[in-house]
Amino acid sequence: MTNAANIIRQTRAALAAAFVASMTMVGTMVGTMVWTMVGTMVGSMVCMTSTAHAQLNLGVPEELKGVDIIENLDAQLPLDARFTDDAGRQVSLRDYFDGKRPVLLQLGYNRCPMLCSLVLNGAFDGLKGVDWTPGNEFEMVSVSIDPTETATLAKAKKEAYLADFDRAGAAPGVHFLTGTEVMSKAVADAVGFQFKRQPDGEYAHAAAIFLIKPDGKISRYMYGAKFEPKDLRMGLLEASQGRIGTTLDRFILWCHIYDPDARGYVLQARKVMTIGGAVTLVALAGGLGAFWRAELRKKNESKKHEAKKHETKENELTNSSAA
């Protein structure tokens, strides 16, 4: 029994030692893994920080330096700038400003492989949702910044867009212009459209359209390559200075303001509150007016009743005296 007890105790001790050893190994492994993970994370953070610093130090790519849009709101376009239109005729920018209708202006070039087409696509797609037609309520003018482009190319570009736009009577109000570098740059400088020709002959430029007042002054910049119909409508209405659209259109515009961050027109809370206050005052005035009229009617009826009662009493007294 004693030997058996000793064997049991020795076995337990061996198992305990083995367990402790195994736990020590596990702890060492876990610790190693943890420190390895921490080291990796710290190393990654250092690498990310170094990469971030490297990226920050890179700055603006060389091909994009000088490419920007500097807003010149209310600046005057060079209306005497001369161009060739899509029919091959010599025209001036002034020909598209009659003092009554606004102009939707786009700058780019007809051979542009991507961005110019995206901007024009967005403009025409947005105008499909507006019940105004170029040539009636507004004019649409596209000016090429590439002096090597011809009227033939401009005509083909115009015809392609008109076919997709599919709006009866729109052709006379859509104009694709080409011209010399001096003329196109004069227009670009006026609207703050800074572009740069690349070594491969393409142009780097930003994406935007410009809404111009009937007198040739800049009204609004709209950025991107997608334009909502409601924003185009309100932008044209704003640029027209109330010369197009209905009274309801002008009231809706009055309730909105252009938000560059949202790239569209948003409701003005202050004006909505003003309208709400005015409606409340009108309703209150109407209610008070109805109340006062009712009170006045009651007083008049009461006076008539008293007068009739008094007249009846007088007649009774007169009859009594006569009897």
Protein backbone atom coordinates (compact mmCIF):
# COMPACT_ATOMS: atom_id res chain seq x y z
CA MET A 1 0.00 0.00 0.00
CA THR A 2 2.86 2.30 0.84
CA ASN A 3 4.59 1.65 -2.48
CA ALA A 4 1.31 2.16 -4.30
CA ALA A 5 0.72 5.45 -2.47
CA ASN A 6 4.24 6.57 -3.32
CA ILE A 7 3.72 5.69 -6.97
CA ILE A 8 0.45 7.65 -7.00
CA ARG A 9 2.11 10.64 -5.35
CA GLN A 10 5.03 10.50 -7.80
CA THR A 11 2.64 10.22 -10.75
CA ARG A 12 0.64 13.23 -9.51
CA ALA A 13 3.82 15.23 -9.03
CA ALA A 14 5.01 14.35 -12.53
CA LEU A 15 1.66 15.32 -14.02
CA ALA A 16 1.68 18.59 -12.08
CA ALA A 17 5.20 19.36 -13.25
CA ALA A 18 4.24 18.55 -16.82
CA PHE A 19 1.16 20.76 -16.53
CA VAL A 20 3.20 23.66 -15.14
CA ALA A 21 5.77 23.21 -17.87
CA SER A 22 3.11 23.10 -20.56
CA MET A 23 1.41 26.20 -19.16
CA THR A 24 4.76 27.97 -19.08
CA MET A 25 5.30 27.06 -22.73
CA VAL A 26 1.80 28.24 -23.62
CA GLY A 27 2.36 31.47 -21.73
CA THR A 28 5.64 31.99 -23.49
CA MET A 29 4.05 31.32 -26.87
CA VAL A 30 1.11 33.65 -26.13
CA GLY A 31 3.45 36.33 -24.89
CA THR A 32 5.59 35.96 -27.96
CA MET A 33 2.54 36.15 -30.22
CA VAL A 34 1.23 39.23 -28.40
CA TRP A 35 4.54 41.03 -28.62
CA THR A 36 4.91 40.00 -32.22
CA MET A 37 1.45 41.42 -33.00
CA VAL A 38 2.21 44.63 -31.11
CA GLY A 39 5.51 44.95 -32.89
CA THR A 40 3.84 44.38 -36.23
CA MET A 41 1.13 46.96 -35.47
CA VAL A 42 3.68 49.53 -34.34
CA GLY A 43 5.78 48.80 -37.40
CA SER A 44 2.73 49.18 -39.64
CA MET A 45 1.83 52.45 -37.97
CA VAL A 46 5.35 53.71 -38.50
CA CYS A 47 5.22 52.59 -42.13
CA MET A 48 1.81 54.22 -42.60
CA THR A 49 3.06 57.42 -41.00
CA SER A 50 6.13 57.39 -43.19
CA THR A 51 3.98 56.72 -46.25
CA ALA A 52 1.58 59.50 -45.29
CA HIS A 53 4.48 61.90 -44.90
CA ALA A 54 5.84 60.75 -48.23
CA GLN A 55 2.46 61.33 -49.87
CA LEU A 56 2.12 64.74 -48.29
CA ASN A 57 5.55 65.65 -49.49
CA LEU A 58 4.63 64.70 -53.03
CA GLY A 59 2.26 67.70 -53.34
CA VAL A 60 0.19 68.33 -56.47
CA PRO A 61 1.19 66.21 -59.49
CA GLU A 62 3.08 68.22 -62.08
CA GLU A 63 0.44 67.68 -64.77
CA LEU A 64 -2.28 69.17 -62.50
CA LYS A 65 -0.40 72.28 -61.45
CA GLY A 66 -2.23 75.35 -62.70
CA VAL A 67 -5.46 73.41 -63.23
CA ASP A 68 -8.27 74.98 -61.23
CA ILE A 69 -11.41 77.12 -61.30
CA ILE A 70 -11.21 80.53 -59.66
CA GLU A 71 -14.72 81.90 -59.20
CA ASN A 72 -15.26 85.39 -60.59
CA LEU A 73 -18.93 85.90 -59.79
CA ASP A 74 -20.50 88.86 -61.61
CA ALA A 75 -17.39 89.28 -63.80
CA GLN A 76 -17.99 90.36 -67.39
CA LEU A 77 -17.31 87.97 -70.28
CA PRO A 78 -15.36 89.33 -73.28
CA LEU A 79 -18.41 89.60 -75.54
CA ASP A 80 -16.30 90.88 -78.44
CA ALA A 81 -14.29 87.62 -78.58
CA ARG A 82 -14.48 86.20 -82.10
CA PHE A 83 -15.11 82.54 -82.98
CA THR A 84 -16.25 80.24 -85.77
CA ASP A 85 -19.58 78.53 -85.10
CA ASP A 86 -20.54 74.96 -85.99
CA ALA A 87 -21.86 76.13 -89.37
CA GLY A 88 -18.55 77.74 -90.29
CA ARG A 89 -19.76 81.32 -89.77
CA GLN A 90 -17.73 84.05 -88.10
CA VAL A 91 -19.46 85.11 -84.89
CA SER A 92 -18.77 86.98 -81.67
CA LEU A 93 -19.73 85.92 -78.19
CA ARG A 94 -22.06 88.92 -78.07
CA ASP A 95 -24.32 87.27 -80.64
CA TYR A 96 -25.65 84.91 -77.95
CA PHE A 97 -26.57 87.60 -75.41
CA ASP A 98 -29.76 89.50 -76.19
CA GLY A 99 -30.23 91.10 -72.77
CA LYS A 100 -33.25 88.88 -72.09
CA ARG A 101 -32.15 85.25 -71.89
CA PRO A 102 -29.40 83.60 -69.82
CA VAL A 103 -26.64 81.46 -71.34
CA LEU A 104 -25.42 78.05 -70.21
CA LEU A 105 -21.68 78.08 -70.99
CA GLN A 106 -19.34 75.07 -71.16
CA LEU A 107 -15.58 75.13 -71.79
CA GLY A 108 -13.66 72.10 -73.04
CA TYR A 109 -12.66 70.57 -76.33
CA ASN A 110 -14.45 68.31 -78.77
CA ARG A 111 -11.74 65.63 -78.98
CA CYS A 112 -11.63 65.24 -75.18
CA PRO A 113 -11.56 61.48 -74.47
CA MET A 114 -13.51 61.65 -71.21
CA LEU A 115 -14.19 64.65 -68.94
CA CYS A 116 -15.62 67.15 -71.46
CA SER A 117 -18.01 64.53 -72.78
CA LEU A 118 -19.06 63.63 -69.24
CA VAL A 119 -19.81 67.28 -68.43
CA LEU A 120 -21.80 67.80 -71.64
CA ASN A 121 -23.61 64.49 -71.12
CA GLY A 122 -24.56 65.60 -67.62
CA ALA A 123 -25.76 68.99 -68.83
CA PHE A 124 -27.92 67.59 -71.63
CA ASP A 125 -29.24 64.78 -69.42
CA GLY A 126 -30.24 67.33 -66.78
CA LEU A 127 -31.90 69.56 -69.36
CA LYS A 128 -34.06 66.65 -70.49
CA GLY A 129 -35.92 67.10 -67.20
CA VAL A 130 -36.40 70.86 -67.72
CA ASP A 131 -39.36 72.01 -69.80
CA TRP A 132 -37.37 74.89 -71.28
CA THR A 133 -35.75 74.69 -74.71
CA PRO A 134 -32.44 76.19 -75.87
CA GLY A 135 -33.21 79.06 -78.21
CA ASN A 136 -36.45 79.92 -76.39
CA GLU A 137 -35.79 80.45 -72.67
CA PHE A 138 -31.96 80.30 -72.81
CA GLU A 139 -28.93 79.76 -75.05
CA MET A 140 -26.37 76.96 -74.72
CA VAL A 141 -22.79 77.69 -75.81
CA SER A 142 -19.79 75.33 -75.84
CA VAL A 143 -16.38 76.96 -76.44
CA SER A 144 -13.41 74.80 -77.47
CA ILE A 145 -10.10 75.57 -75.77
CA ASP A 146 -8.18 73.65 -78.47
CA PRO A 147 -7.19 76.05 -81.30
CA THR A 148 -6.58 73.15 -83.70
CA GLU A 149 -10.24 72.05 -83.75
CA THR A 150 -12.42 72.92 -86.72
CA ALA A 151 -16.05 73.83 -87.40
CA THR A 152 -16.53 70.43 -89.05
CA LEU A 153 -15.71 68.65 -85.79
CA ALA A 154 -17.89 71.11 -83.83
CA LYS A 155 -20.82 70.43 -86.18
CA ALA A 156 -20.48 66.65 -85.76
CA LYS A 157 -20.35 67.06 -81.98
CA LYS A 158 -23.45 69.26 -81.95
CA GLU A 159 -25.43 66.90 -84.16
CA ALA A 160 -24.57 63.93 -81.95
CA TYR A 161 -25.80 65.71 -78.82
CA LEU A 162 -28.95 67.04 -80.47
CA ALA A 163 -29.82 63.55 -81.66
CA ASP A 164 -29.59 62.23 -78.12
CA PHE A 165 -31.30 65.29 -76.59
CA ASP A 166 -34.24 64.84 -78.98
CA ARG A 167 -35.92 68.16 -78.21
CA ALA A 168 -37.85 69.78 -81.06
CA GLY A 169 -36.65 73.28 -81.88
CA ALA A 170 -33.44 73.03 -79.79
CA ALA A 171 -30.92 73.24 -82.67
CA PRO A 172 -31.00 77.07 -83.09
CA GLY A 173 -30.20 77.52 -79.40
CA VAL A 174 -27.19 75.16 -79.16
CA HIS A 175 -23.83 76.47 -80.35
CA PHE A 176 -20.40 74.77 -80.56
CA LEU A 177 -17.66 77.36 -81.13
CA THR A 178 -14.02 77.02 -82.16
CA GLY A 179 -11.38 79.71 -82.42
CA THR A 180 -7.87 80.89 -81.74
CA GLU A 181 -6.03 80.29 -78.50
CA VAL A 182 -6.18 84.01 -77.68
CA MET A 183 -9.98 84.14 -77.93
CA SER A 184 -10.74 80.93 -76.04
CA LYS A 185 -8.25 81.85 -73.31
CA ALA A 186 -9.88 85.27 -72.92
CA VAL A 187 -13.19 83.57 -72.16
CA ALA A 188 -11.51 80.99 -69.90
CA ASP A 189 -9.68 83.70 -67.95
CA ALA A 190 -12.91 85.65 -67.48
CA VAL A 191 -14.65 82.68 -65.81
CA GLY A 192 -11.48 81.55 -63.99
CA PHE A 193 -11.23 78.27 -65.94
CA GLN A 194 -7.55 77.32 -65.65
CA PHE A 195 -6.39 74.45 -67.87
CA LYS A 196 -3.10 72.97 -69.01
CA ARG A 197 -2.04 71.17 -72.15
CA GLN A 198 -0.28 67.85 -71.54
CA PRO A 199 2.71 66.42 -73.46
CA ASP A 200 0.37 64.00 -75.28
CA GLY A 201 -1.71 66.90 -76.63
CA GLU A 202 -4.66 66.41 -74.26
CA TYR A 203 -5.82 69.10 -71.81
CA ALA A 204 -6.11 68.82 -68.05
CA HIS A 205 -9.05 70.84 -66.72
CA ALA A 206 -11.80 70.82 -64.09
CA ALA A 207 -15.44 69.79 -64.52
CA ALA A 208 -17.97 72.62 -64.41
CA ILE A 209 -20.55 74.62 -66.32
CA PHE A 210 -21.21 78.33 -66.02
CA LEU A 211 -24.55 80.14 -65.94
CA ILE A 212 -24.30 83.62 -67.42
CA LYS A 213 -26.71 86.54 -67.06
CA PRO A 214 -28.33 88.11 -70.15
CA ASP A 215 -25.80 90.98 -70.01
CA GLY A 216 -22.81 88.61 -70.12
CA LYS A 217 -21.94 88.64 -66.40
CA ILE A 218 -21.29 85.42 -64.47
CA SER A 219 -24.19 84.33 -62.30
CA ARG A 220 -23.39 80.82 -61.03
CA TYR A 221 -20.79 78.03 -61.14
CA MET A 222 -22.07 74.45 -61.13
CA TYR A 223 -19.45 71.76 -60.56
CA GLY A 224 -19.21 68.09 -61.47
CA ALA A 225 -20.50 66.00 -64.34
CA LYS A 226 -24.05 65.44 -63.13
CA PHE A 227 -26.65 68.19 -62.88
CA GLU A 228 -30.13 67.73 -61.45
CA PRO A 229 -32.98 69.21 -63.53
CA LYS A 230 -34.27 71.27 -60.58
CA ASP A 231 -30.82 72.80 -60.05
CA LEU A 232 -30.41 73.65 -63.75
CA ARG A 233 -33.88 75.19 -63.82
CA MET A 234 -33.29 77.33 -60.73
CA GLY A 235 -29.79 78.23 -61.91
CA LEU A 236 -31.11 79.44 -65.27
CA LEU A 237 -33.98 81.26 -63.55
CA GLU A 238 -31.52 82.96 -61.19
CA ALA A 239 -29.22 83.90 -64.08
CA SER A 240 -32.16 85.33 -66.04
CA GLN A 241 -32.83 87.74 -63.16
CA GLY A 242 -36.55 86.97 -63.31
CA ARG A 243 -36.88 87.36 -67.09
CA ILE A 244 -37.97 83.75 -67.66
CA GLY A 245 -40.21 81.36 -65.76
CA THR A 246 -43.44 81.87 -63.89
CA THR A 247 -44.27 83.71 -60.69
CA LEU A 248 -44.33 80.34 -58.94
CA ASP A 249 -40.83 79.59 -60.28
CA ARG A 250 -39.54 82.86 -58.86
CA PHE A 251 -41.22 82.20 -55.51
CA ILE A 252 -39.62 78.73 -55.33
CA LEU A 253 -36.22 80.23 -56.18
CA TRP A 254 -36.71 82.86 -53.47
CA CYS A 255 -37.09 80.03 -50.94
CA HIS A 256 -33.82 78.38 -52.03
CA ILE A 257 -30.12 79.19 -51.99
CA TYR A 258 -27.26 77.57 -53.89
CA ASP A 259 -25.07 75.39 -51.64
CA PRO A 260 -21.62 74.68 -53.16
CA ASP A 261 -21.10 71.73 -50.80
CA ALA A 262 -24.37 70.11 -51.85
CA ARG A 263 -23.75 71.22 -55.47
CA GLY A 264 -27.33 72.33 -55.75
CA TYR A 265 -30.09 74.56 -54.43
CA VAL A 266 -31.38 73.93 -50.90
CA LEU A 267 -34.22 75.39 -48.89
CA GLN A 268 -33.41 78.42 -46.76
CA ALA A 269 -34.70 77.75 -43.26
CA ARG A 270 -34.94 81.45 -42.46
CA LYS A 271 -37.15 82.18 -45.45
CA VAL A 272 -39.31 79.13 -44.76
CA MET A 273 -39.77 80.41 -41.21
CA THR A 274 -40.60 83.86 -42.58
CA ILE A 275 -43.27 82.35 -44.82
CA GLY A 276 -44.62 80.32 -41.90
CA GLY A 277 -44.79 83.44 -39.74
CA ALA A 278 -46.55 85.39 -42.49
CA VAL A 279 -49.09 82.60 -43.00
CA THR A 280 -49.68 82.50 -39.24
CA LEU A 281 -50.26 86.27 -39.12
CA VAL A 282 -52.65 86.12 -42.08
CA ALA A 283 -54.58 83.27 -40.46
CA LEU A 284 -54.67 85.11 -37.14
CA ALA A 285 -55.82 88.33 -38.82
CA GLY A 286 -58.50 86.42 -40.70
CA GLY A 287 -59.70 84.73 -37.53
CA LEU A 288 -59.82 88.00 -35.61
CA GLY A 289 -61.59 89.69 -38.50
CA ALA A 290 -64.27 86.98 -38.57
CA PHE A 291 -64.66 87.23 -34.79
CA TRP A 292 -65.04 91.02 -34.90
CA ARG A 293 -67.56 90.83 -37.74
CA ALA A 294 -69.59 88.28 -35.77
CA GLU A 295 -69.51 90.48 -32.66
CA LEU A 296 -70.51 93.54 -34.67
CA ARG A 297 -73.39 91.62 -36.24
CA LYS A 298 -74.59 90.56 -32.79
CA LYS A 299 -74.48 94.15 -31.54
CA ASN A 300 -76.41 95.42 -34.56
CA GLU A 301 -79.04 92.70 -34.16
CA SER A 302 -79.31 93.51 -30.46
CA LYS A 303 -79.79 97.21 -31.20
CA LYS A 304 -82.46 96.44 -33.79
CA HIS A 305 -84.23 94.15 -31.33
CA GLU A 306 -84.17 96.84 -28.60
CA ALA A 307 -85.42 99.48 -31.05
CA LYS A 308 -88.26 97.25 -32.19
CA LYS A 309 -89.15 96.42 -28.59
CA HIS A 310 -89.17 100.11 -27.71
CA GLU A 311 -91.34 100.91 -30.74
CA THR A 312 -93.82 98.20 -29.76
CA LYS A 313 -94.08 99.57 -26.23
CA GLU A 314 -94.67 103.10 -27.53
CA ASN A 315 -97.43 101.84 -29.81
CA GLU A 316 -99.08 100.06 -26.88
CA LEU A 317 -99.00 103.27 -24.78
CA THR A 318 -100.44 105.31 -27.66
CA ASN A 319 -103.28 102.83 -28.14
CA SER A 320 -104.01 102.84 -24.41
CA SER A 321 -104.20 106.68 -24.36
CA ALA A 322 -106.52 106.73 -27.36
CA ALA A 323 -108.85 104.22 -25.70
